[in-house]
C-alpha atoms as a PDB file:
ATOM      1  CA  MET A   1      -9.414  26.105 -14.286  1.00  0.00           C
ATOM      2  CA  ARG A   2      -6.276  26.834 -16.242  1.00  0.00           C
ATOM      3  CA  PRO A   3      -4.041  23.955 -17.348  1.00  0.00           C
ATOM      4  CA  SER A   4      -1.300  25.277 -15.056  1.00  0.00           C
ATOM      5  CA  ASP A   5      -3.676  24.968 -12.076  1.00  0.00           C
ATOM      6  CA  ARG A   6      -4.146  21.234 -12.507  1.00  0.00           C
ATOM      7  CA  VAL A   7      -2.585  18.830 -10.107  1.00  0.00           C
ATOM      8  CA  SER A   8      -1.608  15.391 -11.234  1.00  0.00           C
ATOM      9  CA  VAL A   9      -1.277  12.482  -8.864  1.00  0.00           C
ATOM     10  CA  VAL A  10       0.273   9.196  -9.875  1.00  0.00           C
ATOM     11  CA  LEU A  11      -0.929   6.349  -7.687  1.00  0.00           C
ATOM     12  CA  ALA A  12       1.009   3.147  -7.350  1.00  0.00           C
ATOM     13  CA  MET A  13      -0.541   0.318  -9.301  1.00  0.00           C
ATOM     14  CA  ARG A  14      -2.184  -2.297  -7.145  1.00  0.00           C
ATOM     15  CA  PRO A  15      -0.740  -5.773  -7.437  1.00  0.00           C
ATOM     16  CA  ALA A  16      -2.813  -8.505  -9.056  1.00  0.00           C
ATOM     17  CA  ARG A  17      -5.185 -10.147  -6.549  1.00  0.00           C
ATOM     18  CA  PHE A  18      -5.081  -6.988  -4.382  1.00  0.00           C
ATOM     19  CA  GLU A  19      -7.356  -4.763  -6.444  1.00  0.00           C
ATOM     20  CA  ASP A  20      -9.918  -4.711  -3.629  1.00  0.00           C
ATOM     21  CA  HIS A  21      -7.430  -4.161  -0.802  1.00  0.00           C
ATOM     22  CA  ARG A  22      -6.120  -0.832   0.412  1.00  0.00           C
ATOM     23  CA  PHE A  23      -3.590  -1.921   3.042  1.00  0.00           C
ATOM     24  CA  LEU A  24      -0.625  -4.212   2.499  1.00  0.00           C
ATOM     25  CA  GLY A  25       1.888  -5.354   5.112  1.00  0.00           C
ATOM     26  CA  ASP A  26       5.520  -6.415   4.909  1.00  0.00           C
ATOM     27  CA  LYS A  27       6.059  -9.552   6.998  1.00  0.00           C
ATOM     28  CA  ARG A  28       9.803  -8.919   7.372  1.00  0.00           C
ATOM     29  CA  ASN A  29       9.495  -5.706   9.370  1.00  0.00           C
ATOM     30  CA  GLN A  30       5.737  -5.484  10.027  1.00  0.00           C
ATOM     31  CA  ARG A  31       5.449  -2.223   8.102  1.00  0.00           C
ATOM     32  CA  LEU A  32       2.061  -1.206   6.832  1.00  0.00           C
ATOM     33  CA  TYR A  33       1.569   0.414   3.417  1.00  0.00           C
ATOM     34  CA  ASP A  34      -1.485   2.297   2.189  1.00  0.00           C
ATOM     35  CA  LEU A  35      -1.882   1.557  -1.520  1.00  0.00           C
ATOM     36  CA  ASP A  36      -3.940   4.762  -1.876  1.00  0.00           C
ATOM     37  CA  ASP A  37      -1.061   6.920  -0.592  1.00  0.00           C
ATOM     38  CA  PRO A  38       0.132   9.092  -3.497  1.00  0.00           C
ATOM     39  CA  GLU A  39       3.639   9.223  -1.985  1.00  0.00           C
ATOM     40  CA  LEU A  40       4.049   5.430  -1.965  1.00  0.00           C
ATOM     41  CA  GLU A  41       6.622   4.486  -4.571  1.00  0.00           C
ATOM     42  CA  GLN A  42       5.860   1.677  -6.999  1.00  0.00           C
ATOM     43  CA  SER A  43       9.307   0.203  -6.318  1.00  0.00           C
ATOM     44  CA  VAL A  44       8.279  -0.602  -2.723  1.00  0.00           C
ATOM     45  CA  ILE A  45       5.303  -2.636  -3.910  1.00  0.00           C
ATOM     46  CA  ASP A  46       7.324  -4.304  -6.653  1.00  0.00           C
ATOM     47  CA  GLU A  47       9.987  -5.348  -4.142  1.00  0.00           C
ATOM     48  CA  LEU A  48       7.340  -6.832  -1.817  1.00  0.00           C
ATOM     49  CA  MET A  49       5.869  -8.847  -4.666  1.00  0.00           C
ATOM     50  CA  VAL A  50       9.275 -10.211  -5.722  1.00  0.00           C
ATOM     51  CA  ALA A  51      10.235 -11.098  -2.136  1.00  0.00           C
ATOM     52  CA  GLU A  52       6.776 -12.609  -1.485  1.00  0.00           C
ATOM     53  CA  THR A  53       6.764 -11.131   2.020  1.00  0.00           C
ATOM     54  CA  PHE A  54       3.414  -9.370   1.843  1.00  0.00           C
ATOM     55  CA  ILE A  55       0.147  -9.809   3.690  1.00  0.00           C
ATOM     56  CA  CYS A  56      -3.299  -8.301   3.344  1.00  0.00           C
ATOM     57  CA  PHE A  57      -5.809  -7.882   6.135  1.00  0.00           C
ATOM     58  CA  GLY A  58      -9.408  -8.911   6.605  1.00  0.00           C
ATOM     59  CA  PRO A  59     -11.155  -6.686   7.247  1.00  0.00           C
ATOM     60  CA  ASP A  60      -9.043  -4.285   5.198  1.00  0.00           C
ATOM     61  CA  THR A  61      -8.625  -1.635   7.904  1.00  0.00           C
ATOM     62  CA  VAL A  62      -5.815   0.078   9.797  1.00  0.00           C
ATOM     63  CA  GLU A  63      -7.309  -1.243  13.026  1.00  0.00           C
ATOM     64  CA  GLU A  64      -7.003  -4.858  11.849  1.00  0.00           C
ATOM     65  CA  ALA A  65      -3.410  -4.267  10.740  1.00  0.00           C
ATOM     66  CA  ARG A  66      -2.610  -2.770  14.147  1.00  0.00           C
ATOM     67  CA  ASN A  67      -4.229  -5.771  15.849  1.00  0.00           C
ATOM     68  CA  ARG A  68      -1.599  -7.849  14.024  1.00  0.00           C
ATOM     69  CA  CYS A  69       1.187  -5.454  15.159  1.00  0.00           C
ATOM     70  CA  TYR A  70       1.682  -3.745  11.775  1.00  0.00           C
ATOM     71  CA  ARG A  71       2.515  -0.027  11.777  1.00  0.00           C
ATOM     72  CA  PHE A  72       3.112   2.610   9.128  1.00  0.00           C
ATOM     73  CA  GLY A  73       6.829   2.813   8.420  1.00  0.00           C
END
Protein backbone atom coordinates (compact mmCIF):
# COMPACT_ATOMS: atom_id res chain seq x y z
CA MET A 1 0.00 0.00 0.00
CA ARG A 2 1.35 3.38 -0.96
CA PRO A 3 1.01 6.30 1.46
CA SER A 4 -1.31 8.02 -1.03
CA ASP A 5 -3.65 5.00 -0.90
CA ARG A 6 -4.29 5.32 2.81
CA VAL A 7 -7.59 6.54 4.08
CA SER A 8 -7.81 8.38 7.34
CA VAL A 9 -10.97 8.53 9.38
CA VAL A 10 -11.38 10.84 12.33
CA LEU A 11 -14.02 9.59 14.74
CA ALA A 12 -15.74 11.88 17.18
CA MET A 13 -14.46 11.45 20.70
CA ARG A 14 -16.90 9.75 23.01
CA PRO A 15 -18.01 11.80 25.98
CA ALA A 16 -16.90 10.77 29.45
CA ARG A 17 -19.21 8.11 30.94
CA PHE A 18 -20.27 7.06 27.41
CA GLU A 19 -17.18 5.10 26.41
CA ASP A 20 -19.21 1.88 26.28
CA HIS A 21 -22.21 3.35 24.44
CA ARG A 22 -22.60 3.67 20.70
CA PHE A 23 -25.92 5.51 20.43
CA LEU A 24 -26.76 8.86 21.98
CA GLY A 25 -30.08 10.70 21.78
CA ASP A 26 -31.01 14.37 21.93
CA LYS A 27 -34.03 14.84 24.20
CA ARG A 28 -34.99 18.16 22.60
CA ASN A 29 -35.79 16.76 19.16
CA GLN A 30 -35.51 12.98 19.71
CA ARG A 31 -32.67 12.69 17.22
CA LEU A 32 -30.44 9.67 17.42
CA TYR A 33 -26.67 9.87 16.88
CA ASP A 34 -24.29 7.01 16.18
CA LEU A 35 -21.00 7.80 17.91
CA ASP A 36 -19.23 5.40 15.50
CA ASP A 37 -20.39 7.38 12.45
CA PRO A 38 -17.29 8.95 10.86
CA GLU A 39 -19.42 11.81 9.49
CA LEU A 40 -20.69 12.85 12.93
CA GLU A 41 -19.13 16.17 13.84
CA GLN A 42 -17.57 16.62 17.27
CA SER A 43 -19.40 19.94 17.63
CA VAL A 44 -22.76 18.10 17.73
CA ILE A 45 -21.63 15.98 20.66
CA ASP A 46 -20.04 18.94 22.42
CA GLU A 47 -23.27 20.94 22.11
CA LEU A 48 -25.30 18.04 23.56
CA MET A 49 -22.96 17.80 26.53
CA VAL A 50 -23.14 21.55 27.23
CA ALA A 51 -26.95 21.60 26.92
CA GLU A 52 -27.26 18.42 29.02
CA THR A 53 -30.05 17.17 26.76
CA PHE A 54 -28.62 13.75 25.98
CA ILE A 55 -29.75 10.23 26.73
CA CYS A 56 -28.22 6.81 26.26
CA PHE A 57 -30.13 3.58 25.78
CA GLY A 58 -30.09 0.23 27.51
CA PRO A 59 -29.63 -1.98 25.70
CA ASP A 60 -27.45 0.17 23.45
CA THR A 61 -29.24 -0.65 20.18
CA VAL A 62 -31.08 1.18 17.41
CA GLU A 63 -34.15 -0.91 18.20
CA GLU A 64 -34.23 0.33 21.81
CA ALA A 65 -33.81 3.94 20.65
CA ARG A 66 -36.68 3.48 18.19
CA ASN A 67 -38.82 2.00 20.97
CA ARG A 68 -38.34 5.35 22.73
CA CYS A 69 -39.27 7.25 19.51
CA TYR A 70 -35.72 8.37 18.64
CA ARG A 71 -34.76 8.51 14.96
CA PHE A 72 -31.63 9.36 13.01
CA GLY A 73 -31.72 13.03 12.08
